[in-house]
C-alpha cells in the first residue's frame, strides 16, 4: 500500500506544480499579447507629465512658440538617456531627442520654438505652431514603443498612457 501512497503523493505534487506553472504563465502570455497588440512598453518611468498647447496659431512670435511645450518626466530614480526617443502630434510632426540625459525624478520641457537647450528645456527650432487646442502627444522610446500618450480637446486632457 505504501507504493500506492507514494504514487498518489507524486501525482498530487506533479499536478500542483503544473497548476502553479500554468497560473504563472497565463498572465505573462496575456500581458505579452497586450504589448504586441498596441506596441506599448510594459512599464516606463518616462512619461508625458504636462502639456501647454498654443492658441489658434495667431501669434507666431518666438515667445509664443516657446510658450507651447510638452513636459516629459522621469518618474524613476535613475537617469535615462533619451537619445532617439520621439514626441509626435496627431498630424505626424516629430521631435527626436539627441543625446539628452534626463535625471531621475526630473522633467524636461520640449518647446516648439527656438532657444538654447538646457537640462530643463529643449527646443524643436520650429517656426510654426505644433500643439493646437485639439491634439495629442505621443512619446516613443528609441525602438518605437509607445511609452505614453496624452490628448486634449481644448478644455481638458485625456490620459491614454
N, C-alpha and C. Protein backbone atom coordinates (compact mmCIF):
# COMPACT_ATOMS: atom_id res chain seq x y z
N UNK A 1 0.81 -1.18 0.00
CA UNK A 1 0.00 0.00 0.00
C UNK A 1 0.86 1.25 0.00
N UNK A 2 2.12 1.14 0.49
CA UNK A 2 2.99 2.31 0.53
C UNK A 2 3.37 2.76 -0.88
N UNK A 3 3.49 1.85 -1.83
CA UNK A 3 3.77 2.24 -3.20
C UNK A 3 2.62 3.04 -3.77
N UNK A 4 1.44 2.67 -3.45
CA UNK A 4 0.26 3.39 -3.91
C UNK A 4 0.20 4.79 -3.29
N UNK A 5 0.52 4.89 -2.01
CA UNK A 5 0.53 6.18 -1.33
C UNK A 5 1.62 7.08 -1.90
N UNK A 6 2.79 6.52 -2.15
CA UNK A 6 3.88 7.28 -2.75
C UNK A 6 3.52 7.75 -4.15
N UNK A 7 2.85 6.88 -4.91
CA UNK A 7 2.42 7.25 -6.26
C UNK A 7 1.41 8.38 -6.20
N UNK A 8 0.45 8.28 -5.29
CA UNK A 8 -0.55 9.34 -5.16
C UNK A 8 0.09 10.67 -4.75
N UNK A 9 1.04 10.63 -3.85
CA UNK A 9 1.73 11.86 -3.44
C UNK A 9 2.51 12.46 -4.62
N UNK A 10 3.19 11.62 -5.37
CA UNK A 10 3.93 12.08 -6.53
C UNK A 10 3.01 12.75 -7.55
N UNK A 11 1.90 12.09 -7.86
CA UNK A 11 0.93 12.64 -8.83
C UNK A 11 0.36 13.95 -8.31
N UNK A 12 0.03 14.02 -7.01
CA UNK A 12 -0.52 15.25 -6.43
C UNK A 12 0.49 16.39 -6.52
N UNK A 13 1.76 16.08 -6.22
CA UNK A 13 2.80 17.11 -6.30
C UNK A 13 3.00 17.57 -7.74
N UNK A 14 2.96 16.63 -8.69
CA UNK A 14 3.10 16.95 -10.10
C UNK A 14 1.96 17.85 -10.57
N UNK A 15 0.74 17.51 -10.20
CA UNK A 15 -0.41 18.32 -10.58
C UNK A 15 -0.35 19.71 -9.95
N UNK A 16 0.06 19.79 -8.70
CA UNK A 16 0.18 21.09 -8.04
C UNK A 16 1.23 21.95 -8.73
N UNK A 17 2.37 21.36 -9.06
CA UNK A 17 3.43 22.10 -9.75
C UNK A 17 2.95 22.55 -11.12
N UNK A 18 2.25 21.70 -11.81
CA UNK A 18 1.74 22.06 -13.13
C UNK A 18 0.75 23.19 -13.07
N UNK A 19 -0.11 23.20 -12.08
CA UNK A 19 -1.09 24.28 -11.97
C UNK A 19 -0.41 25.60 -11.61
N UNK A 20 0.65 25.56 -10.79
CA UNK A 20 1.39 26.79 -10.48
C UNK A 20 2.07 27.35 -11.71
N UNK A 21 2.69 26.49 -12.48
CA UNK A 21 3.36 26.93 -13.72
C UNK A 21 2.32 27.50 -14.68
N UNK A 22 1.20 26.83 -14.81
CA UNK A 22 0.15 27.31 -15.70
C UNK A 22 -0.41 28.64 -15.26
N UNK A 23 -0.63 28.81 -13.96
CA UNK A 23 -1.16 30.07 -13.44
C UNK A 23 -0.17 31.21 -13.65
N UNK A 24 1.11 30.95 -13.48
CA UNK A 24 2.11 31.99 -13.67
C UNK A 24 2.28 32.33 -15.14
N UNK A 25 2.14 31.38 -16.01
CA UNK A 25 2.35 31.62 -17.44
C UNK A 25 1.17 32.34 -18.08
N UNK A 26 -0.04 32.14 -17.58
CA UNK A 26 -1.21 32.74 -18.19
C UNK A 26 -1.17 34.26 -18.17
N UNK A 27 -0.93 34.92 -17.03
CA UNK A 27 -0.88 36.37 -17.05
C UNK A 27 0.25 36.91 -17.92
N UNK A 28 1.40 36.25 -17.92
CA UNK A 28 2.51 36.71 -18.75
C UNK A 28 2.13 36.64 -20.21
N UNK A 29 1.46 35.60 -20.63
CA UNK A 29 1.04 35.49 -22.02
C UNK A 29 0.03 36.56 -22.38
N UNK A 30 -0.91 36.82 -21.48
CA UNK A 30 -1.90 37.86 -21.73
C UNK A 30 -1.22 39.22 -21.82
N UNK A 31 -0.24 39.47 -20.93
CA UNK A 31 0.47 40.74 -20.95
C UNK A 31 1.27 40.88 -22.24
N UNK A 32 1.96 39.82 -22.65
CA UNK A 32 2.72 39.87 -23.90
C UNK A 32 1.81 40.15 -25.08
N UNK A 33 0.63 39.55 -25.08
CA UNK A 33 -0.31 39.77 -26.17
C UNK A 33 -0.75 41.24 -26.21
N UNK A 34 -1.00 41.81 -25.02
CA UNK A 34 -1.42 43.20 -24.96
C UNK A 34 -0.32 44.11 -25.50
N UNK A 35 0.92 43.86 -25.09
CA UNK A 35 2.03 44.68 -25.57
C UNK A 35 2.22 44.53 -27.07
N UNK A 36 2.10 43.32 -27.59
CA UNK A 36 2.24 43.12 -29.03
C UNK A 36 1.13 43.82 -29.78
N UNK A 37 -0.06 43.85 -29.21
CA UNK A 37 -1.20 44.42 -29.89
C UNK A 37 -1.07 45.93 -30.05
N UNK A 38 -0.70 46.64 -28.97
CA UNK A 38 -0.68 48.09 -29.08
C UNK A 38 0.72 48.70 -29.01
N UNK A 39 1.74 47.88 -29.02
CA UNK A 39 3.14 48.31 -29.08
C UNK A 39 3.51 49.24 -27.93
N UNK A 40 2.91 49.05 -26.79
CA UNK A 40 3.25 49.86 -25.63
C UNK A 40 4.30 49.14 -24.81
N UNK A 41 5.18 49.92 -24.22
CA UNK A 41 6.16 49.34 -23.32
C UNK A 41 5.42 48.87 -22.07
N UNK A 42 5.89 47.80 -21.47
CA UNK A 42 5.22 47.23 -20.30
C UNK A 42 5.11 48.26 -19.18
N UNK A 43 6.18 48.91 -18.86
CA UNK A 43 6.18 49.95 -17.85
C UNK A 43 7.39 50.82 -18.10
N UNK A 44 7.18 52.10 -18.10
CA UNK A 44 8.29 53.00 -18.31
C UNK A 44 8.25 54.10 -17.27
N UNK A 45 9.41 54.51 -16.83
CA UNK A 45 9.48 55.64 -15.91
C UNK A 45 9.46 56.96 -16.67
N UNK A 46 9.50 56.91 -18.01
CA UNK A 46 9.48 58.12 -18.83
C UNK A 46 8.06 58.33 -19.34
N UNK A 47 7.45 59.46 -18.96
CA UNK A 47 6.05 59.73 -19.29
C UNK A 47 5.86 61.20 -19.68
N UNK A 48 4.73 61.48 -20.30
CA UNK A 48 4.31 62.86 -20.55
C UNK A 48 3.62 63.33 -19.28
N UNK A 49 4.13 64.39 -18.66
CA UNK A 49 3.56 64.84 -17.39
C UNK A 49 2.67 66.06 -17.54
N UNK A 50 2.86 66.87 -18.58
CA UNK A 50 2.05 68.07 -18.76
C UNK A 50 2.19 68.57 -20.19
N UNK A 51 1.19 69.34 -20.62
CA UNK A 51 1.20 69.92 -21.96
C UNK A 51 0.68 71.35 -21.88
N UNK A 52 1.33 72.25 -22.57
CA UNK A 52 0.81 73.61 -22.75
C UNK A 52 0.72 73.83 -24.26
N UNK A 53 -0.49 73.78 -24.79
CA UNK A 53 -0.66 73.93 -26.23
C UNK A 53 -0.85 75.39 -26.61
N UNK A 54 -0.66 75.67 -27.90
CA UNK A 54 -0.81 77.03 -28.42
C UNK A 54 -2.26 77.37 -28.66
N UNK A 55 -2.49 78.61 -29.06
CA UNK A 55 -3.84 79.08 -29.33
C UNK A 55 -3.99 79.49 -30.77
N UNK A 56 -4.73 78.74 -31.52
CA UNK A 56 -5.18 79.04 -32.87
C UNK A 56 -4.15 79.62 -33.83
N UNK A 57 -2.87 79.58 -33.50
CA UNK A 57 -1.83 79.97 -34.43
C UNK A 57 -1.77 81.43 -34.82
N UNK A 58 -2.45 82.30 -34.09
CA UNK A 58 -2.46 83.72 -34.46
C UNK A 58 -1.12 84.39 -34.19
N UNK A 59 -0.55 84.10 -33.06
CA UNK A 59 0.72 84.71 -32.67
C UNK A 59 1.83 83.72 -32.98
N UNK A 60 2.64 84.03 -33.98
CA UNK A 60 3.73 83.14 -34.38
C UNK A 60 5.09 83.63 -33.92
N UNK A 61 5.10 84.53 -32.96
CA UNK A 61 6.37 85.05 -32.47
C UNK A 61 7.14 83.94 -31.77
N UNK A 62 8.45 84.15 -31.64
CA UNK A 62 9.29 83.18 -30.95
C UNK A 62 8.82 82.98 -29.51
N UNK A 63 8.39 84.05 -28.88
CA UNK A 63 7.91 83.96 -27.50
C UNK A 63 6.66 83.08 -27.42
N UNK A 64 5.73 83.26 -28.36
CA UNK A 64 4.50 82.45 -28.36
C UNK A 64 4.81 80.99 -28.62
N UNK A 65 5.72 80.70 -29.54
CA UNK A 65 6.08 79.32 -29.84
C UNK A 65 6.76 78.64 -28.65
N UNK A 66 7.50 79.41 -27.88
CA UNK A 66 8.17 78.82 -26.71
C UNK A 66 7.26 78.69 -25.51
N UNK A 67 6.08 79.32 -25.55
CA UNK A 67 5.08 79.09 -24.50
C UNK A 67 4.31 77.80 -24.77
N UNK A 68 4.55 77.19 -25.91
CA UNK A 68 3.92 75.92 -26.29
C UNK A 68 4.93 74.81 -26.02
N UNK A 69 4.57 73.83 -25.18
CA UNK A 69 5.53 72.78 -24.81
C UNK A 69 4.82 71.52 -24.35
N UNK A 70 5.60 70.44 -24.38
CA UNK A 70 5.21 69.17 -23.79
C UNK A 70 6.28 68.83 -22.76
N UNK A 71 5.83 68.48 -21.56
CA UNK A 71 6.78 68.16 -20.49
C UNK A 71 6.92 66.65 -20.37
N UNK A 72 8.15 66.18 -20.40
CA UNK A 72 8.48 64.76 -20.26
C UNK A 72 9.11 64.58 -18.89
N UNK A 73 8.64 63.57 -18.17
CA UNK A 73 9.11 63.34 -16.80
C UNK A 73 9.72 61.96 -16.66
N UNK A 74 10.79 61.89 -15.88
CA UNK A 74 11.38 60.62 -15.48
C UNK A 74 10.91 60.38 -14.05
N UNK A 75 9.97 59.47 -13.86
CA UNK A 75 9.42 59.20 -12.53
C UNK A 75 10.30 58.25 -11.73
N UNK A 76 11.29 57.67 -12.39
CA UNK A 76 12.20 56.74 -11.72
C UNK A 76 13.33 57.45 -11.01
N UNK A 77 14.15 56.66 -10.33
CA UNK A 77 15.29 57.22 -9.59
C UNK A 77 16.53 57.36 -10.45
N UNK A 78 16.67 56.51 -11.45
CA UNK A 78 17.88 56.51 -12.28
C UNK A 78 17.72 57.41 -13.50
N UNK A 79 18.83 58.00 -13.93
CA UNK A 79 18.78 58.83 -15.13
C UNK A 79 18.62 57.95 -16.36
N UNK A 80 18.04 58.52 -17.39
CA UNK A 80 17.79 57.79 -18.64
C UNK A 80 18.24 58.67 -19.80
N UNK A 81 18.99 58.08 -20.73
CA UNK A 81 19.38 58.81 -21.93
C UNK A 81 18.22 58.72 -22.93
N UNK A 82 17.70 59.86 -23.35
CA UNK A 82 16.54 59.90 -24.25
C UNK A 82 16.94 59.91 -25.73
N UNK A 83 18.19 59.64 -26.03
CA UNK A 83 18.63 59.62 -27.43
C UNK A 83 17.72 58.71 -28.26
N UNK A 84 17.14 59.28 -29.31
CA UNK A 84 16.28 58.52 -30.21
C UNK A 84 14.83 58.46 -29.79
N UNK A 85 14.48 58.90 -28.58
CA UNK A 85 13.08 58.97 -28.17
C UNK A 85 12.40 60.04 -29.02
N UNK A 86 11.11 59.88 -29.30
CA UNK A 86 10.40 60.85 -30.12
C UNK A 86 9.10 61.31 -29.47
N UNK A 87 8.72 62.52 -29.81
CA UNK A 87 7.41 63.08 -29.47
C UNK A 87 6.73 63.40 -30.79
N UNK A 88 5.52 62.93 -30.99
CA UNK A 88 4.77 63.24 -32.21
C UNK A 88 3.41 63.80 -31.85
N UNK A 89 2.85 64.57 -32.79
CA UNK A 89 1.49 65.07 -32.61
C UNK A 89 0.56 64.33 -33.54
N UNK A 90 -0.69 64.67 -33.52
CA UNK A 90 -1.71 63.99 -34.31
C UNK A 90 -1.45 64.12 -35.82
N UNK A 91 -0.83 65.22 -36.24
CA UNK A 91 -0.55 65.44 -37.66
C UNK A 91 0.74 64.79 -38.14
N UNK A 92 1.48 64.18 -37.23
CA UNK A 92 2.71 63.49 -37.62
C UNK A 92 3.98 64.30 -37.47
N UNK A 93 3.89 65.53 -36.95
CA UNK A 93 5.10 66.29 -36.67
C UNK A 93 5.89 65.54 -35.60
N UNK A 94 7.21 65.50 -35.75
CA UNK A 94 8.02 64.68 -34.85
C UNK A 94 9.23 65.45 -34.35
N UNK A 95 9.49 65.29 -33.07
CA UNK A 95 10.72 65.78 -32.46
C UNK A 95 11.48 64.56 -31.96
N UNK A 96 12.75 64.48 -32.35
CA UNK A 96 13.60 63.37 -31.90
C UNK A 96 14.67 63.93 -30.96
N UNK A 97 14.76 63.32 -29.77
CA UNK A 97 15.77 63.73 -28.81
C UNK A 97 17.15 63.33 -29.31
N UNK A 98 18.10 64.22 -29.11
CA UNK A 98 19.50 63.89 -29.34
C UNK A 98 20.05 63.24 -28.08
N UNK A 99 21.34 63.37 -27.87
CA UNK A 99 21.98 62.80 -26.68
C UNK A 99 21.58 63.65 -25.48
N UNK A 100 20.51 63.24 -24.79
CA UNK A 100 19.98 64.01 -23.67
C UNK A 100 19.71 63.08 -22.50
N UNK A 101 20.37 63.34 -21.37
CA UNK A 101 20.19 62.51 -20.18
C UNK A 101 19.22 63.22 -19.24
N UNK A 102 18.09 62.53 -18.96
CA UNK A 102 17.09 63.05 -18.04
C UNK A 102 17.31 62.39 -16.68
N UNK A 103 17.67 63.21 -15.71
CA UNK A 103 17.93 62.70 -14.37
C UNK A 103 16.68 62.08 -13.77
N UNK A 104 16.89 61.22 -12.78
CA UNK A 104 15.78 60.62 -12.07
C UNK A 104 14.94 61.68 -11.37
N UNK A 105 13.62 61.44 -11.35
CA UNK A 105 12.67 62.33 -10.69
C UNK A 105 12.80 63.78 -11.16
N UNK A 106 12.94 63.96 -12.48
CA UNK A 106 13.05 65.31 -13.03
C UNK A 106 12.27 65.40 -14.34
N UNK A 107 12.15 66.62 -14.85
CA UNK A 107 11.39 66.86 -16.08
C UNK A 107 12.20 67.69 -17.06
N UNK A 108 11.78 67.61 -18.32
CA UNK A 108 12.30 68.48 -19.35
C UNK A 108 11.11 68.94 -20.19
N UNK A 109 11.10 70.22 -20.54
CA UNK A 109 10.07 70.76 -21.41
C UNK A 109 10.60 70.84 -22.83
N UNK A 110 9.81 70.29 -23.74
CA UNK A 110 10.16 70.33 -25.16
C UNK A 110 9.34 71.46 -25.77
N UNK A 111 10.00 72.60 -26.01
CA UNK A 111 9.35 73.79 -26.56
C UNK A 111 9.30 73.71 -28.08
N UNK A 112 8.29 74.31 -28.66
CA UNK A 112 8.14 74.30 -30.11
C UNK A 112 9.14 75.22 -30.79
N UNK A 113 9.37 76.39 -30.24
CA UNK A 113 10.19 77.41 -30.89
C UNK A 113 11.68 77.18 -30.81
N UNK A 114 12.41 78.30 -30.86
CA UNK A 114 13.86 78.25 -30.89
C UNK A 114 14.43 78.73 -29.57
N UNK A 115 15.58 78.16 -29.21
CA UNK A 115 16.25 78.55 -27.98
C UNK A 115 17.48 77.70 -27.77
N UNK A 116 18.10 77.92 -26.65
CA UNK A 116 19.31 77.18 -26.29
C UNK A 116 18.92 76.04 -25.35
N UNK A 117 19.23 74.81 -25.74
CA UNK A 117 18.90 73.64 -24.92
C UNK A 117 19.63 73.69 -23.59
N UNK A 118 18.91 73.31 -22.53
CA UNK A 118 19.49 73.19 -21.20
C UNK A 118 19.06 71.84 -20.64
N UNK A 119 19.37 71.55 -19.38
CA UNK A 119 18.96 70.29 -18.77
C UNK A 119 17.49 70.31 -18.38
N UNK A 120 16.80 71.47 -18.46
CA UNK A 120 15.38 71.57 -18.13
C UNK A 120 14.49 71.92 -19.33
N UNK A 121 15.09 72.45 -20.40
CA UNK A 121 14.33 72.89 -21.57
C UNK A 121 15.09 72.55 -22.84
N UNK A 122 14.39 71.96 -23.81
CA UNK A 122 14.95 71.74 -25.14
C UNK A 122 13.99 72.35 -26.16
N UNK A 123 14.50 72.63 -27.35
CA UNK A 123 13.74 73.37 -28.35
C UNK A 123 13.72 72.62 -29.67
N UNK A 124 12.54 72.64 -30.31
CA UNK A 124 12.38 71.97 -31.60
C UNK A 124 12.88 72.83 -32.76
N UNK A 125 13.09 74.10 -32.53
CA UNK A 125 13.56 75.06 -33.55
C UNK A 125 12.58 75.17 -34.71
N UNK A 126 11.30 75.16 -34.42
CA UNK A 126 10.27 75.31 -35.45
C UNK A 126 9.81 76.76 -35.52
N UNK A 127 9.23 77.08 -36.65
CA UNK A 127 8.73 78.44 -36.87
C UNK A 127 7.22 78.50 -36.96
N UNK A 128 6.56 77.37 -36.65
CA UNK A 128 5.10 77.35 -36.65
C UNK A 128 4.59 76.47 -35.51
N UNK A 129 3.38 76.72 -35.12
CA UNK A 129 2.75 76.00 -34.01
C UNK A 129 2.64 74.51 -34.32
N UNK A 130 2.85 73.68 -33.32
CA UNK A 130 2.70 72.23 -33.45
C UNK A 130 1.50 71.76 -32.64
N UNK A 131 1.46 72.09 -31.36
CA UNK A 131 0.43 71.59 -30.46
C UNK A 131 -0.73 72.58 -30.44
N UNK A 132 -1.86 72.20 -31.01
CA UNK A 132 -3.01 73.09 -31.00
C UNK A 132 -4.04 72.64 -29.98
N UNK A 133 -5.18 73.32 -29.94
CA UNK A 133 -6.15 73.09 -28.86
C UNK A 133 -6.88 71.76 -28.94
N UNK A 134 -6.82 71.06 -30.04
CA UNK A 134 -7.39 69.71 -30.17
C UNK A 134 -6.32 68.82 -30.80
N UNK A 135 -5.55 68.19 -29.94
CA UNK A 135 -4.38 67.47 -30.45
C UNK A 135 -4.04 66.33 -29.50
N UNK A 136 -2.92 65.69 -29.77
CA UNK A 136 -2.40 64.66 -28.89
C UNK A 136 -0.88 64.65 -28.99
N UNK A 137 -0.25 64.14 -27.96
CA UNK A 137 1.20 63.97 -27.94
C UNK A 137 1.48 62.51 -27.62
N UNK A 138 2.35 61.92 -28.42
CA UNK A 138 2.73 60.52 -28.20
C UNK A 138 4.23 60.45 -28.01
N UNK A 139 4.64 59.81 -26.93
CA UNK A 139 6.04 59.64 -26.60
C UNK A 139 6.44 58.20 -26.89
N UNK A 140 7.49 58.02 -27.69
CA UNK A 140 8.01 56.69 -28.03
C UNK A 140 9.47 56.59 -27.63
N UNK A 141 9.88 55.37 -27.28
CA UNK A 141 11.28 55.15 -26.95
C UNK A 141 12.08 55.00 -28.24
N UNK A 142 13.38 54.73 -28.12
CA UNK A 142 14.25 54.65 -29.29
C UNK A 142 14.01 53.40 -30.14
N UNK A 143 13.11 52.52 -29.71
CA UNK A 143 12.73 51.35 -30.51
C UNK A 143 11.35 51.51 -31.13
N UNK A 144 10.70 52.66 -30.89
CA UNK A 144 9.38 52.90 -31.44
C UNK A 144 8.23 52.45 -30.56
N UNK A 145 8.52 51.93 -29.36
CA UNK A 145 7.46 51.52 -28.44
C UNK A 145 6.78 52.74 -27.84
N UNK A 146 5.47 52.75 -27.82
CA UNK A 146 4.72 53.85 -27.22
C UNK A 146 4.88 53.78 -25.70
N UNK A 147 5.39 54.86 -25.12
CA UNK A 147 5.55 54.94 -23.68
C UNK A 147 4.36 55.64 -23.03
N UNK A 148 3.83 56.67 -23.72
CA UNK A 148 2.72 57.43 -23.16
C UNK A 148 2.06 58.24 -24.27
N UNK A 149 0.77 58.50 -24.09
CA UNK A 149 0.00 59.34 -25.00
C UNK A 149 -0.90 60.22 -24.17
N UNK A 150 -0.98 61.47 -24.56
CA UNK A 150 -1.86 62.42 -23.90
C UNK A 150 -2.61 63.17 -24.98
N UNK A 151 -3.92 63.32 -24.82
CA UNK A 151 -4.71 64.07 -25.80
C UNK A 151 -5.58 65.08 -25.08
N UNK A 152 -6.02 66.08 -25.80
CA UNK A 152 -6.83 67.14 -25.22
C UNK A 152 -7.77 67.68 -26.28
N UNK A 153 -8.86 68.29 -25.82
CA UNK A 153 -9.87 68.81 -26.74
C UNK A 153 -10.14 70.29 -26.53
N UNK A 154 -9.20 71.03 -25.99
CA UNK A 154 -9.34 72.45 -25.77
C UNK A 154 -9.85 72.77 -24.38
N UNK A 155 -10.40 71.82 -23.69
CA UNK A 155 -10.91 72.05 -22.34
C UNK A 155 -10.16 71.24 -21.30
N UNK A 156 -9.83 70.00 -21.62
CA UNK A 156 -9.17 69.15 -20.63
C UNK A 156 -8.32 68.09 -21.32
N UNK A 157 -7.43 67.51 -20.54
CA UNK A 157 -6.57 66.45 -21.04
C UNK A 157 -7.25 65.10 -20.87
N UNK A 158 -6.93 64.18 -21.74
CA UNK A 158 -7.42 62.80 -21.66
C UNK A 158 -6.21 61.90 -21.60
N UNK A 159 -5.96 61.31 -20.47
CA UNK A 159 -4.79 60.46 -20.28
C UNK A 159 -5.01 59.13 -20.96
N UNK A 160 -4.12 58.74 -21.85
CA UNK A 160 -4.23 57.49 -22.60
C UNK A 160 -3.13 56.51 -22.28
N UNK A 161 -2.11 56.91 -21.59
CA UNK A 161 -0.97 56.02 -21.39
C UNK A 161 -0.82 55.56 -20.00
